[in-house]
Amino acid sequence: MRFSTCVSLLALAAVGSATAQQAVDVKPKVSDNSFTSDQLAVYRVVLASWYQGDKKAINLAIQTDPVNLGDDSFDKTCLKGLALEKTAEGEVHRFRVEDLAQLGNANFRLVDPESQAKEVRENDPGIAIREGKPVDDAVENGFAHGLLTLGEIQFDRSHTHALISFRFWCGMLCGHGTTMLLEKKGGVWTRKKQCGGWVS
């Protein structure tokens, strides 16, 4: 989502209500396995479509989110005709520093999600705007401290389709996320369609 769109959304959101944080009941199990080349290639496509060549630093959560096909924002028609591989419930992976070169040309900074969450709250654009800071400055600062989290990838059994979600959080009324379906043709992963999303 582009910066100007978020500025407009924040201005409108000042009179809206906050979106509740989703509770995590069970601590995910972190896999010992490294990402495969296919997984890194899928993440690269997703990230390129998100940051669109922006060279500013991106705070990337060191750990993925578990698969969650029960999310209300997910369009289940995206699964039509697909036989998904079974995944280990609640399992996540960790990015390594050496993975970053495979994720694209952005300036990624691996961060601990819990520590970064504190920074997000301390730099919430909504609070800064209420305190009199100009909207553009507040949003730019919020983005600089925001947290991008990638979800686990769910492949179909033929490994020609991949379903993935991601979310970017930069404050109580500053964030967005989406789920997308990618397809592999001629050995190259490309974005096929969006399967739902949310904005706060």
N, C-alpha and C. Protein backbone atom coordinates (compact mmCIF):
# COMPACT_ATOMS: atom_id res chain seq x y z
N MET A 1 0.84 -1.17 0.00
CA MET A 1 0.00 0.00 0.00
C MET A 1 0.88 1.23 0.00
N ARG A 2 0.57 2.17 -0.85
CA ARG A 2 1.40 3.35 -0.97
C ARG A 2 1.23 4.30 0.21
N PHE A 3 2.25 5.11 0.43
CA PHE A 3 2.31 6.03 1.56
C PHE A 3 1.11 6.98 1.57
N SER A 4 0.78 7.58 0.40
CA SER A 4 -0.30 8.57 0.35
C SER A 4 -1.64 7.96 0.71
N THR A 5 -1.87 6.70 0.31
CA THR A 5 -3.11 6.02 0.66
C THR A 5 -3.21 5.85 2.16
N CYS A 6 -2.10 5.48 2.80
CA CYS A 6 -2.10 5.29 4.25
C CYS A 6 -2.34 6.59 4.97
N VAL A 7 -1.82 7.71 4.43
CA VAL A 7 -2.05 9.01 5.03
C VAL A 7 -3.55 9.30 5.05
N SER A 8 -4.21 9.06 3.91
CA SER A 8 -5.66 9.29 3.82
C SER A 8 -6.42 8.39 4.78
N LEU A 9 -6.03 7.12 4.84
CA LEU A 9 -6.71 6.18 5.72
C LEU A 9 -6.55 6.58 7.18
N LEU A 10 -5.36 7.05 7.55
CA LEU A 10 -5.14 7.47 8.93
C LEU A 10 -5.98 8.68 9.28
N ALA A 11 -6.11 9.60 8.35
CA ALA A 11 -6.91 10.79 8.61
C ALA A 11 -8.37 10.40 8.86
N LEU A 12 -8.86 9.45 8.05
CA LEU A 12 -10.23 8.97 8.24
C LEU A 12 -10.37 8.13 9.50
N ALA A 13 -9.33 7.39 9.80
CA ALA A 13 -9.39 6.47 10.94
C ALA A 13 -9.39 7.19 12.28
N ALA A 14 -9.03 8.46 12.29
CA ALA A 14 -8.99 9.20 13.55
C ALA A 14 -10.35 9.22 14.24
N VAL A 15 -11.43 9.06 13.45
CA VAL A 15 -12.76 9.03 14.04
C VAL A 15 -13.31 7.62 14.13
N GLY A 16 -12.53 6.65 13.69
CA GLY A 16 -12.98 5.26 13.70
C GLY A 16 -12.60 4.56 14.99
N SER A 17 -12.92 3.30 15.04
CA SER A 17 -12.56 2.51 16.23
C SER A 17 -11.36 1.64 15.92
N ALA A 18 -10.61 1.27 16.94
CA ALA A 18 -9.39 0.47 16.77
C ALA A 18 -9.73 -0.96 16.44
N THR A 19 -8.88 -1.58 15.63
CA THR A 19 -9.04 -3.00 15.33
C THR A 19 -8.37 -3.80 16.43
N ALA A 20 -9.07 -4.78 16.95
CA ALA A 20 -8.51 -5.59 18.05
C ALA A 20 -7.36 -6.42 17.55
N GLN A 21 -6.34 -6.58 18.38
CA GLN A 21 -5.21 -7.44 18.06
C GLN A 21 -5.65 -8.89 18.18
N GLN A 22 -5.22 -9.70 17.23
CA GLN A 22 -5.58 -11.12 17.25
C GLN A 22 -4.75 -11.83 18.31
N ALA A 23 -5.43 -12.56 19.17
CA ALA A 23 -4.73 -13.27 20.24
C ALA A 23 -4.13 -14.56 19.72
N VAL A 24 -2.95 -14.88 20.22
CA VAL A 24 -2.31 -16.13 19.86
C VAL A 24 -2.34 -17.04 21.08
N ASP A 25 -3.10 -18.14 20.98
CA ASP A 25 -3.30 -19.02 22.12
C ASP A 25 -2.13 -19.97 22.33
N VAL A 26 -1.58 -20.48 21.23
CA VAL A 26 -0.54 -21.49 21.32
C VAL A 26 0.75 -20.93 20.72
N LYS A 27 1.84 -21.11 21.45
CA LYS A 27 3.13 -20.64 20.94
C LYS A 27 3.54 -21.54 19.77
N PRO A 28 3.86 -20.94 18.60
CA PRO A 28 4.22 -21.75 17.45
C PRO A 28 5.53 -22.51 17.65
N LYS A 29 5.65 -23.63 16.94
CA LYS A 29 6.88 -24.43 16.99
C LYS A 29 7.79 -23.96 15.86
N VAL A 30 9.01 -23.58 16.20
CA VAL A 30 9.95 -23.10 15.20
C VAL A 30 10.68 -24.28 14.58
N SER A 31 10.59 -24.40 13.26
CA SER A 31 11.24 -25.49 12.54
C SER A 31 12.75 -25.31 12.54
N ASP A 32 13.47 -26.42 12.56
CA ASP A 32 14.93 -26.39 12.46
C ASP A 32 15.39 -26.30 11.01
N ASN A 33 14.46 -26.51 10.07
CA ASN A 33 14.81 -26.53 8.64
C ASN A 33 15.00 -25.12 8.09
N SER A 34 15.94 -25.00 7.16
CA SER A 34 16.13 -23.74 6.44
C SER A 34 15.03 -23.61 5.38
N PHE A 35 14.84 -22.39 4.88
CA PHE A 35 13.90 -22.19 3.79
C PHE A 35 14.44 -22.86 2.53
N THR A 36 13.53 -23.41 1.72
CA THR A 36 13.92 -23.99 0.44
C THR A 36 14.07 -22.86 -0.58
N SER A 37 14.66 -23.16 -1.73
CA SER A 37 14.79 -22.15 -2.78
C SER A 37 13.43 -21.70 -3.28
N ASP A 38 12.45 -22.62 -3.34
CA ASP A 38 11.09 -22.25 -3.75
C ASP A 38 10.46 -21.30 -2.75
N GLN A 39 10.61 -21.57 -1.47
CA GLN A 39 10.04 -20.69 -0.45
C GLN A 39 10.64 -19.29 -0.55
N LEU A 40 11.95 -19.20 -0.68
CA LEU A 40 12.60 -17.89 -0.78
C LEU A 40 12.18 -17.16 -2.05
N ALA A 41 11.98 -17.91 -3.15
CA ALA A 41 11.53 -17.29 -4.40
C ALA A 41 10.12 -16.72 -4.26
N VAL A 42 9.24 -17.44 -3.55
CA VAL A 42 7.87 -16.95 -3.31
C VAL A 42 7.92 -15.70 -2.46
N TYR A 43 8.69 -15.72 -1.39
CA TYR A 43 8.80 -14.54 -0.54
C TYR A 43 9.33 -13.34 -1.32
N ARG A 44 10.27 -13.59 -2.22
CA ARG A 44 10.85 -12.50 -3.02
C ARG A 44 9.76 -11.81 -3.86
N VAL A 45 8.89 -12.60 -4.49
CA VAL A 45 7.81 -12.03 -5.32
C VAL A 45 6.86 -11.21 -4.45
N VAL A 46 6.48 -11.77 -3.31
CA VAL A 46 5.55 -11.08 -2.40
C VAL A 46 6.16 -9.75 -1.93
N LEU A 47 7.40 -9.79 -1.51
CA LEU A 47 8.05 -8.58 -1.01
C LEU A 47 8.21 -7.53 -2.10
N ALA A 48 8.57 -7.95 -3.31
CA ALA A 48 8.73 -7.00 -4.41
C ALA A 48 7.42 -6.29 -4.72
N SER A 49 6.30 -7.03 -4.62
CA SER A 49 5.01 -6.40 -4.90
C SER A 49 4.60 -5.45 -3.77
N TRP A 50 5.17 -5.64 -2.58
CA TRP A 50 4.83 -4.79 -1.45
C TRP A 50 5.67 -3.53 -1.40
N TYR A 51 7.00 -3.67 -1.45
CA TYR A 51 7.83 -2.48 -1.27
C TYR A 51 8.06 -1.72 -2.56
N GLN A 52 7.77 -2.32 -3.72
CA GLN A 52 7.80 -1.64 -5.03
C GLN A 52 9.04 -0.78 -5.24
N GLY A 53 10.19 -1.31 -4.89
CA GLY A 53 11.45 -0.63 -5.17
C GLY A 53 11.87 0.41 -4.15
N ASP A 54 11.07 0.60 -3.09
CA ASP A 54 11.42 1.56 -2.05
C ASP A 54 12.69 1.10 -1.35
N LYS A 55 13.64 2.00 -1.19
CA LYS A 55 14.93 1.66 -0.60
C LYS A 55 15.02 1.93 0.90
N LYS A 56 13.93 2.40 1.50
CA LYS A 56 13.96 2.64 2.94
C LYS A 56 14.07 1.33 3.69
N ALA A 57 14.60 1.37 4.89
CA ALA A 57 14.77 0.16 5.69
C ALA A 57 13.42 -0.44 6.03
N ILE A 58 13.32 -1.76 5.94
CA ILE A 58 12.11 -2.50 6.26
C ILE A 58 12.41 -3.42 7.43
N ASN A 59 11.63 -3.28 8.49
CA ASN A 59 11.79 -4.12 9.68
C ASN A 59 11.03 -5.42 9.45
N LEU A 60 11.76 -6.47 9.14
CA LEU A 60 11.16 -7.77 8.81
C LEU A 60 11.24 -8.69 10.03
N ALA A 61 10.08 -9.19 10.46
CA ALA A 61 10.05 -10.11 11.59
C ALA A 61 10.91 -11.32 11.29
N ILE A 62 11.76 -11.69 12.23
CA ILE A 62 12.68 -12.80 12.02
C ILE A 62 11.94 -14.13 11.91
N GLN A 63 10.70 -14.15 12.39
CA GLN A 63 9.92 -15.39 12.42
C GLN A 63 8.63 -15.23 11.61
N THR A 64 8.26 -16.26 10.88
CA THR A 64 7.02 -16.23 10.10
C THR A 64 5.80 -16.43 11.00
N ASP A 65 4.64 -16.12 10.44
CA ASP A 65 3.36 -16.43 11.09
C ASP A 65 2.90 -17.80 10.64
N PRO A 66 2.19 -18.55 11.49
CA PRO A 66 1.65 -19.85 11.05
C PRO A 66 0.56 -19.66 10.00
N VAL A 67 0.28 -20.71 9.24
CA VAL A 67 -0.81 -20.69 8.27
C VAL A 67 -2.13 -20.52 9.02
N ASN A 68 -3.00 -19.64 8.48
CA ASN A 68 -4.31 -19.43 9.10
C ASN A 68 -5.36 -19.23 8.01
N LEU A 69 -5.92 -20.33 7.53
CA LEU A 69 -6.93 -20.25 6.47
C LEU A 69 -8.31 -19.92 7.04
N GLY A 70 -8.41 -19.81 8.37
CA GLY A 70 -9.69 -19.47 8.99
C GLY A 70 -9.87 -17.97 9.17
N ASP A 71 -8.91 -17.16 8.71
CA ASP A 71 -8.99 -15.71 8.82
C ASP A 71 -10.22 -15.20 8.06
N ASP A 72 -10.99 -14.33 8.68
CA ASP A 72 -12.22 -13.81 8.06
C ASP A 72 -11.97 -13.04 6.77
N SER A 73 -10.77 -12.47 6.62
CA SER A 73 -10.48 -11.69 5.41
C SER A 73 -10.07 -12.56 4.23
N PHE A 74 -9.89 -13.86 4.46
CA PHE A 74 -9.42 -14.77 3.41
C PHE A 74 -10.57 -15.19 2.50
N ASP A 75 -10.37 -15.04 1.18
CA ASP A 75 -11.36 -15.44 0.18
C ASP A 75 -11.12 -16.90 -0.18
N LYS A 76 -11.97 -17.77 0.33
CA LYS A 76 -11.77 -19.22 0.16
C LYS A 76 -11.97 -19.70 -1.27
N THR A 77 -12.54 -18.86 -2.14
CA THR A 77 -12.67 -19.26 -3.56
C THR A 77 -11.30 -19.36 -4.22
N CYS A 78 -10.27 -18.78 -3.60
CA CYS A 78 -8.91 -18.89 -4.14
C CYS A 78 -8.42 -20.34 -4.14
N LEU A 79 -9.02 -21.16 -3.29
CA LEU A 79 -8.58 -22.56 -3.17
C LEU A 79 -9.27 -23.48 -4.18
N LYS A 80 -10.21 -22.94 -4.96
CA LYS A 80 -10.96 -23.76 -5.90
C LYS A 80 -10.02 -24.48 -6.87
N GLY A 81 -10.15 -25.78 -6.92
CA GLY A 81 -9.34 -26.60 -7.84
C GLY A 81 -7.95 -26.93 -7.33
N LEU A 82 -7.62 -26.48 -6.12
CA LEU A 82 -6.28 -26.74 -5.58
C LEU A 82 -6.33 -27.81 -4.50
N ALA A 83 -5.37 -28.72 -4.54
CA ALA A 83 -5.20 -29.71 -3.47
C ALA A 83 -3.95 -29.30 -2.71
N LEU A 84 -4.16 -28.74 -1.53
CA LEU A 84 -3.03 -28.21 -0.75
C LEU A 84 -2.27 -29.31 -0.03
N GLU A 85 -0.96 -29.12 0.05
CA GLU A 85 -0.13 -30.01 0.86
C GLU A 85 -0.50 -29.85 2.32
N LYS A 86 -0.37 -30.89 3.07
CA LYS A 86 -0.60 -30.81 4.51
C LYS A 86 0.60 -30.13 5.14
N THR A 87 0.33 -29.24 6.08
CA THR A 87 1.42 -28.56 6.78
C THR A 87 1.37 -28.92 8.26
N ALA A 88 2.50 -28.78 8.91
CA ALA A 88 2.56 -29.03 10.35
C ALA A 88 1.86 -27.87 11.06
N GLU A 89 0.79 -28.18 11.79
CA GLU A 89 -0.01 -27.14 12.43
C GLU A 89 0.81 -26.32 13.41
N GLY A 90 0.74 -25.00 13.25
CA GLY A 90 1.43 -24.09 14.16
C GLY A 90 2.93 -23.97 13.94
N GLU A 91 3.45 -24.61 12.89
CA GLU A 91 4.90 -24.55 12.66
C GLU A 91 5.28 -23.27 11.92
N VAL A 92 6.40 -22.69 12.31
CA VAL A 92 6.93 -21.49 11.66
C VAL A 92 8.42 -21.69 11.39
N HIS A 93 8.97 -20.75 10.62
CA HIS A 93 10.40 -20.76 10.31
C HIS A 93 11.02 -19.44 10.72
N ARG A 94 12.35 -19.46 10.82
CA ARG A 94 13.10 -18.24 11.10
C ARG A 94 13.96 -17.88 9.90
N PHE A 95 13.98 -16.59 9.60
CA PHE A 95 14.88 -16.10 8.56
C PHE A 95 16.29 -16.00 9.13
N ARG A 96 17.27 -16.30 8.28
CA ARG A 96 18.68 -16.15 8.65
C ARG A 96 19.24 -14.96 7.88
N VAL A 97 20.29 -14.39 8.36
CA VAL A 97 20.90 -13.24 7.69
C VAL A 97 21.25 -13.59 6.24
N GLU A 98 21.71 -14.83 6.03
CA GLU A 98 22.09 -15.24 4.67
C GLU A 98 20.90 -15.37 3.73
N ASP A 99 19.66 -15.41 4.27
CA ASP A 99 18.47 -15.48 3.41
C ASP A 99 18.15 -14.13 2.78
N LEU A 100 18.60 -13.05 3.40
CA LEU A 100 18.18 -11.71 2.98
C LEU A 100 18.55 -11.41 1.53
N ALA A 101 19.70 -11.88 1.08
CA ALA A 101 20.11 -11.63 -0.31
C ALA A 101 19.16 -12.26 -1.31
N GLN A 102 18.44 -13.31 -0.89
CA GLN A 102 17.49 -14.00 -1.77
C GLN A 102 16.11 -13.34 -1.77
N LEU A 103 15.91 -12.36 -0.89
CA LEU A 103 14.58 -11.75 -0.75
C LEU A 103 14.38 -10.49 -1.58
N GLY A 104 15.42 -10.04 -2.27
CA GLY A 104 15.27 -8.85 -3.11
C GLY A 104 16.26 -7.77 -2.75
N ASN A 105 16.06 -6.61 -3.36
CA ASN A 105 17.01 -5.51 -3.22
C ASN A 105 16.67 -4.52 -2.12
N ALA A 106 15.62 -4.78 -1.38
CA ALA A 106 15.24 -3.85 -0.31
C ALA A 106 16.24 -3.92 0.84
N ASN A 107 16.19 -2.90 1.67
CA ASN A 107 17.06 -2.82 2.84
C ASN A 107 16.33 -3.48 4.02
N PHE A 108 16.41 -4.81 4.10
CA PHE A 108 15.73 -5.54 5.16
C PHE A 108 16.56 -5.56 6.43
N ARG A 109 15.86 -5.44 7.55
CA ARG A 109 16.49 -5.54 8.87
C ARG A 109 15.69 -6.57 9.66
N LEU A 110 16.33 -7.70 9.98
CA LEU A 110 15.64 -8.73 10.76
C LEU A 110 15.47 -8.26 12.19
N VAL A 111 14.22 -8.35 12.69
CA VAL A 111 13.94 -7.86 14.04
C VAL A 111 13.15 -8.89 14.83
N ASP A 112 13.30 -8.83 16.13
CA ASP A 112 12.49 -9.64 17.03
C ASP A 112 11.10 -9.00 17.09
N PRO A 113 10.03 -9.75 16.76
CA PRO A 113 8.70 -9.15 16.72
C PRO A 113 8.25 -8.50 18.02
N GLU A 114 8.58 -9.10 19.15
CA GLU A 114 8.15 -8.55 20.43
C GLU A 114 8.85 -7.23 20.73
N SER A 115 10.14 -7.17 20.46
CA SER A 115 10.88 -5.92 20.68
C SER A 115 10.40 -4.83 19.73
N GLN A 116 10.16 -5.20 18.47
CA GLN A 116 9.72 -4.21 17.49
C GLN A 116 8.32 -3.71 17.80
N ALA A 117 7.49 -4.56 18.39
CA ALA A 117 6.13 -4.16 18.76
C ALA A 117 6.16 -2.97 19.73
N LYS A 118 7.14 -2.97 20.60
CA LYS A 118 7.29 -1.85 21.54
C LYS A 118 7.58 -0.57 20.78
N GLU A 119 8.47 -0.66 19.79
CA GLU A 119 8.80 0.51 18.96
C GLU A 119 7.58 1.00 18.19
N VAL A 120 6.79 0.05 17.67
CA VAL A 120 5.58 0.42 16.93
C VAL A 120 4.65 1.23 17.83
N ARG A 121 4.42 0.74 19.04
CA ARG A 121 3.51 1.43 19.96
C ARG A 121 4.04 2.82 20.34
N GLU A 122 5.36 2.92 20.51
CA GLU A 122 5.95 4.22 20.89
C GLU A 122 5.94 5.23 19.76
N ASN A 123 5.77 4.76 18.52
CA ASN A 123 5.79 5.64 17.34
C ASN A 123 4.48 5.57 16.56
N ASP A 124 3.39 5.28 17.25
CA ASP A 124 2.07 5.16 16.64
C ASP A 124 1.68 6.49 15.99
N PRO A 125 1.43 6.52 14.68
CA PRO A 125 1.06 7.78 14.01
C PRO A 125 -0.20 8.41 14.57
N GLY A 126 -1.17 7.57 14.97
CA GLY A 126 -2.42 8.11 15.51
C GLY A 126 -2.19 8.96 16.75
N ILE A 127 -1.30 8.50 17.62
CA ILE A 127 -0.98 9.25 18.84
C ILE A 127 -0.24 10.54 18.47
N ALA A 128 0.71 10.42 17.55
CA ALA A 128 1.49 11.59 17.13
C ALA A 128 0.59 12.66 16.50
N ILE A 129 -0.39 12.23 15.71
CA ILE A 129 -1.31 13.19 15.07
C ILE A 129 -2.15 13.89 16.13
N ARG A 130 -2.65 13.12 17.10
CA ARG A 130 -3.45 13.73 18.18
C ARG A 130 -2.63 14.72 19.00
N GLU A 131 -1.31 14.49 19.04
CA GLU A 131 -0.43 15.41 19.79
C GLU A 131 0.00 16.61 18.94
N GLY A 132 -0.51 16.72 17.71
CA GLY A 132 -0.25 17.89 16.87
C GLY A 132 0.80 17.72 15.81
N LYS A 133 1.38 16.53 15.67
CA LYS A 133 2.40 16.32 14.64
C LYS A 133 1.72 16.27 13.27
N PRO A 134 2.32 16.86 12.21
CA PRO A 134 1.72 16.80 10.88
C PRO A 134 1.50 15.35 10.43
N VAL A 135 0.40 15.11 9.72
CA VAL A 135 0.02 13.75 9.33
C VAL A 135 1.13 13.06 8.54
N ASP A 136 1.68 13.73 7.53
CA ASP A 136 2.73 13.12 6.71
C ASP A 136 3.93 12.69 7.55
N ASP A 137 4.35 13.57 8.45
CA ASP A 137 5.51 13.27 9.30
C ASP A 137 5.21 12.10 10.24
N ALA A 138 3.99 12.11 10.79
CA ALA A 138 3.61 11.04 11.73
C ALA A 138 3.57 9.68 11.03
N VAL A 139 3.01 9.66 9.83
CA VAL A 139 2.90 8.40 9.08
C VAL A 139 4.28 7.92 8.63
N GLU A 140 5.10 8.85 8.15
CA GLU A 140 6.45 8.45 7.71
C GLU A 140 7.24 7.86 8.86
N ASN A 141 7.14 8.47 10.04
CA ASN A 141 7.83 7.95 11.22
C ASN A 141 7.25 6.60 11.64
N GLY A 142 5.92 6.48 11.57
CA GLY A 142 5.27 5.21 11.90
C GLY A 142 5.73 4.09 10.98
N PHE A 143 5.80 4.39 9.68
CA PHE A 143 6.27 3.40 8.72
C PHE A 143 7.71 2.99 9.01
N ALA A 144 8.54 3.95 9.38
CA ALA A 144 9.95 3.66 9.64
C ALA A 144 10.12 2.69 10.80
N HIS A 145 9.15 2.67 11.73
CA HIS A 145 9.22 1.79 12.89
C HIS A 145 8.26 0.60 12.77
N GLY A 146 7.55 0.50 11.63
CA GLY A 146 6.57 -0.56 11.43
C GLY A 146 7.19 -1.94 11.35
N LEU A 147 6.34 -2.95 11.47
CA LEU A 147 6.79 -4.34 11.47
C LEU A 147 6.11 -5.12 10.36
N LEU A 148 6.91 -5.68 9.46
CA LEU A 148 6.41 -6.53 8.38
C LEU A 148 6.61 -7.99 8.77
N THR A 149 5.54 -8.76 8.74
CA THR A 149 5.61 -10.18 9.09
C THR A 149 5.09 -11.01 7.93
N LEU A 150 5.90 -11.96 7.48
CA LEU A 150 5.50 -12.88 6.41
C LEU A 150 4.92 -14.14 7.02
N GLY A 151 3.93 -14.69 6.34
CA GLY A 151 3.32 -15.93 6.81
C GLY A 151 4.03 -17.15 6.23
N GLU A 152 3.74 -18.29 6.81
CA GLU A 152 4.21 -19.55 6.24
C GLU A 152 3.57 -19.73 4.87
N ILE A 153 4.27 -20.40 3.99
CA ILE A 153 3.77 -20.66 2.63
C ILE A 153 3.09 -22.01 2.60
N GLN A 154 1.92 -22.06 1.97
CA GLN A 154 1.25 -23.34 1.78
C GLN A 154 1.22 -23.64 0.28
N PHE A 155 1.94 -24.69 -0.10
CA PHE A 155 1.99 -25.11 -1.50
C PHE A 155 0.87 -26.09 -1.79
N ASP A 156 0.52 -26.17 -3.08
CA ASP A 156 -0.37 -27.26 -3.47
C ASP A 156 0.50 -28.50 -3.71
N ARG A 157 -0.15 -29.63 -3.92
CA ARG A 157 0.61 -30.89 -4.03
C ARG A 157 1.52 -30.94 -5.24
N SER A 158 1.19 -30.19 -6.28
CA SER A 158 2.03 -30.19 -7.49
C SER A 158 3.18 -29.19 -7.38
N HIS A 159 3.19 -28.39 -6.33
CA HIS A 159 4.18 -27.32 -6.12
C HIS A 159 4.21 -26.33 -7.28
N THR A 160 3.03 -26.09 -7.87
CA THR A 160 2.91 -25.07 -8.92
C THR A 160 2.10 -23.86 -8.43
N HIS A 161 1.53 -23.97 -7.23
CA HIS A 161 0.80 -22.85 -6.62
C HIS A 161 1.23 -22.70 -5.17
N ALA A 162 1.23 -21.45 -4.72
CA ALA A 162 1.63 -21.16 -3.34
C ALA A 162 0.70 -20.09 -2.77
N LEU A 163 0.21 -20.36 -1.59
CA LEU A 163 -0.67 -19.42 -0.89
C LEU A 163 0.12 -18.80 0.25
N ILE A 164 0.10 -17.48 0.34
CA ILE A 164 0.89 -16.80 1.37
C ILE A 164 0.20 -15.53 1.84
N SER A 165 0.31 -15.26 3.13
CA SER A 165 -0.21 -14.02 3.71
C SER A 165 0.95 -13.21 4.28
N PHE A 166 0.73 -11.90 4.39
CA PHE A 166 1.69 -11.06 5.10
C PHE A 166 0.91 -9.93 5.76
N ARG A 167 1.53 -9.32 6.75
CA ARG A 167 0.90 -8.18 7.42
C ARG A 167 1.95 -7.14 7.80
N PHE A 168 1.54 -5.90 7.70
CA PHE A 168 2.40 -4.78 8.09
C PHE A 168 1.65 -4.00 9.16
N TRP A 169 2.29 -3.80 10.31
CA TRP A 169 1.67 -3.12 11.44
C TRP A 169 2.51 -1.93 11.83
N CYS A 170 1.88 -0.75 11.87
CA CYS A 170 2.61 0.47 12.22
C CYS A 170 1.86 1.30 13.26
N GLY A 171 0.84 0.75 13.90
CA GLY A 171 0.11 1.46 14.94
C GLY A 171 -1.30 0.92 15.09
N MET A 172 -2.03 1.47 16.07
CA MET A 172 -3.37 1.00 16.36
C MET A 172 -4.29 1.12 15.14
N LEU A 173 -4.18 2.22 14.42
CA LEU A 173 -4.99 2.44 13.22
C LEU A 173 -4.09 2.60 12.00
N CYS A 174 -3.02 1.85 11.98
CA CYS A 174 -2.04 1.92 10.90
C CYS A 174 -1.56 0.51 10.60
N GLY A 175 -2.08 -0.07 9.55
CA GLY A 175 -1.64 -1.41 9.18
C GLY A 175 -2.48 -1.96 8.05
N HIS A 176 -1.96 -3.00 7.45
CA HIS A 176 -2.69 -3.70 6.38
C HIS A 176 -2.08 -5.08 6.19
N GLY A 177 -2.81 -5.93 5.54
CA GLY A 177 -2.32 -7.27 5.25
C GLY A 177 -3.09 -7.87 4.10
N THR A 178 -2.56 -8.91 3.52
CA THR A 178 -3.24 -9.55 2.41
C THR A 178 -2.80 -11.01 2.30
N THR A 179 -3.60 -11.78 1.59
CA THR A 179 -3.24 -13.15 1.23
C THR A 179 -3.24 -13.20 -0.28
N MET A 180 -2.23 -13.82 -0.85
CA MET A 180 -2.18 -13.92 -2.30
C MET A 180 -1.82 -15.32 -2.75
N LEU A 181 -2.23 -15.61 -3.98
CA LEU A 181 -1.94 -16.89 -4.61
C LEU A 181 -0.91 -16.65 -5.70
N LEU A 182 0.17 -17.42 -5.66
CA LEU A 182 1.21 -17.33 -6.69
C LEU A 182 1.20 -18.61 -7.51
N GLU A 183 1.68 -18.50 -8.75
CA GLU A 183 1.75 -19.66 -9.64
C GLU A 183 3.15 -19.76 -10.24
N LYS A 184 3.62 -20.98 -10.39
CA LYS A 184 4.94 -21.21 -10.97
C LYS A 184 4.79 -21.71 -12.40
N LYS A 185 5.32 -20.93 -13.34
CA LYS A 185 5.29 -21.31 -14.76
C LYS A 185 6.68 -21.14 -15.33
N GLY A 186 7.16 -22.17 -16.02
CA GLY A 186 8.50 -22.11 -16.60
C GLY A 186 9.57 -21.88 -15.55
N GLY A 187 9.33 -22.39 -14.34
CA GLY A 187 10.31 -22.26 -13.26
C GLY A 187 10.30 -20.92 -12.56
N VAL A 188 9.34 -20.04 -12.92
CA VAL A 188 9.30 -18.70 -12.33
C VAL A 188 7.98 -18.49 -11.58
N TRP A 189 8.10 -18.01 -10.34
CA TRP A 189 6.91 -17.71 -9.54
C TRP A 189 6.39 -16.32 -9.88
N THR A 190 5.08 -16.21 -10.12
CA THR A 190 4.45 -14.92 -10.37
C THR A 190 3.16 -14.82 -9.56
N ARG A 191 2.76 -13.60 -9.29
CA ARG A 191 1.53 -13.36 -8.55
C ARG A 191 0.33 -13.67 -9.45
N LYS A 192 -0.57 -14.52 -8.99
CA LYS A 192 -1.75 -14.89 -9.78
C LYS A 192 -2.96 -14.06 -9.39
N LYS A 193 -3.30 -14.00 -8.09
CA LYS A 193 -4.41 -13.18 -7.65
C LYS A 193 -4.35 -12.93 -6.16
N GLN A 194 -5.09 -11.89 -5.76
CA GLN A 194 -5.21 -11.57 -4.33
C GLN A 194 -6.40 -12.34 -3.78
N CYS A 195 -6.23 -12.86 -2.58
CA CYS A 195 -7.26 -13.70 -1.96
C CYS A 195 -7.79 -13.09 -0.68
N GLY A 196 -7.93 -11.79 -0.68
CA GLY A 196 -8.46 -11.10 0.50
C GLY A 196 -7.41 -10.24 1.15
N GLY A 197 -7.88 -9.36 2.01
CA GLY A 197 -6.96 -8.47 2.71
C GLY A 197 -7.70 -7.61 3.71
N TRP A 198 -6.96 -6.85 4.48
CA TRP A 198 -7.56 -5.98 5.49
C TRP A 198 -6.73 -4.72 5.63
N VAL A 199 -7.37 -3.66 6.12
CA VAL A 199 -6.71 -2.39 6.40
C VAL A 199 -7.25 -1.86 7.71
N SER A 200 -6.38 -1.31 8.56
CA SER A 200 -6.87 -0.70 9.81
C SER A 200 -6.37 0.74 9.88
